[in-house]
Amino acid sequence: FIYLFNSNITLGKNGVPVAENFRLEQSTIADTVQAGQVRVKTLYLSVDPYMRCRMNEDTGSDYLQPWQLSEVADGGGIGVVEESKHQNLAKGDFVTSFTWPWQTAAILDGDLLQKLVPQLVNGRLSYFLGAAGITGLTALLGIREKGHVAAGANQTMVVSGAAGACGSLAGQIGRLEGCSRVVGIAGTDEKCSILVQEMGFDAAINYKKGDVAKQLRELCPGGVDVYFDNVGGDISDTVISQMNQNSHIILCGQISQYNKDVPYPPPLPPDTEKIRKERNITRERFLVLNYMDKQEASVLQLCQWIQEGKLKVR
């Protein structure tokens, strides 16, 4: 059995992760499954931006524990039960956990696993780590809880990191929730094309080409009402400068800042913060974990949109 460990090469708060920060080892798991446990085969693992924070001794979040040196890394995962001594889980069941170890097989506490229903995602199990999992929940709950989107209000939404797992869903969900115009920002022409041709965005900007501020003014002539922010930094400063009075920033991520020693959320530059205050633009961090009472209904909504073809997934 293969384990993936994080190595004893220190990144530091300002370092860029490299392959040498990890190592692959072979080991053997226990022969015996104890009462309440299951032996699983790993099928899918999710590699996500927040994991950069887990590479620091101080993750900057009380809900995230740091990965320990020379211990198995973990995160969102899906597997199939191969042997069970848990009353609610049987051989062949598909299960998931947010703390799944990065190893090909494992013995896990059955109480910490959630059983999956493949039919909800047309058999595409990996969707439970993406569009119908924590990624989709982040997009949907972020828009519903922090975006103040209202059908018929003629709102324009801008999404940065728009071709990413969360951003590509957020733009589509913004439309489904009632936005009349959705504009994405991504880093290649191919990504921009996919957003418009496949994902239903009205337009997309390649931030590596041309004047982003000028393109935003042309594509959002009525200003920006909702900004789904995945990146932070210069891109976000540019978007915020074109946001309307009483508009809303959905603070999903700040990936441009994750290799820097700054607090989360990073403070805005003085000029941008001045605009935010003068225009009464909301910018509050949100945690999906704070809305677990809405998780089940939200996952079912995401699955319904996927089944109906209203939510496109790559």
Foldseek 3Di string as FASTA:
>chain_A
DKFKFQAPPAQPLQGDDDPNRIDIDDDDADPDADAQKFKWFWDDADDDLLLLLLSDCHSLDPVDHHGDHGDFAFAKTKTATCGDNRPVDDGGWIWIAGGHTRDRMDMGRNVRIDTDDCVLQPNPVCCCVFCLHPLVLLLQCLCVVFFPAAAPPQAEEEEEVLLDRNNLQNQLVSVVRHHPAYEYEDADPVSQCCSVVPSPHPGYHNVVDDDPLVVCCVRCVVFHQEYEDAADDPVVLSNLVRHAAAGEYRCRHHSVCRSDPARPPHDDPPVSVVSCVVRVYDDDYDDSVVVVVCSVVSSSVSSVCSVVVSGDDD
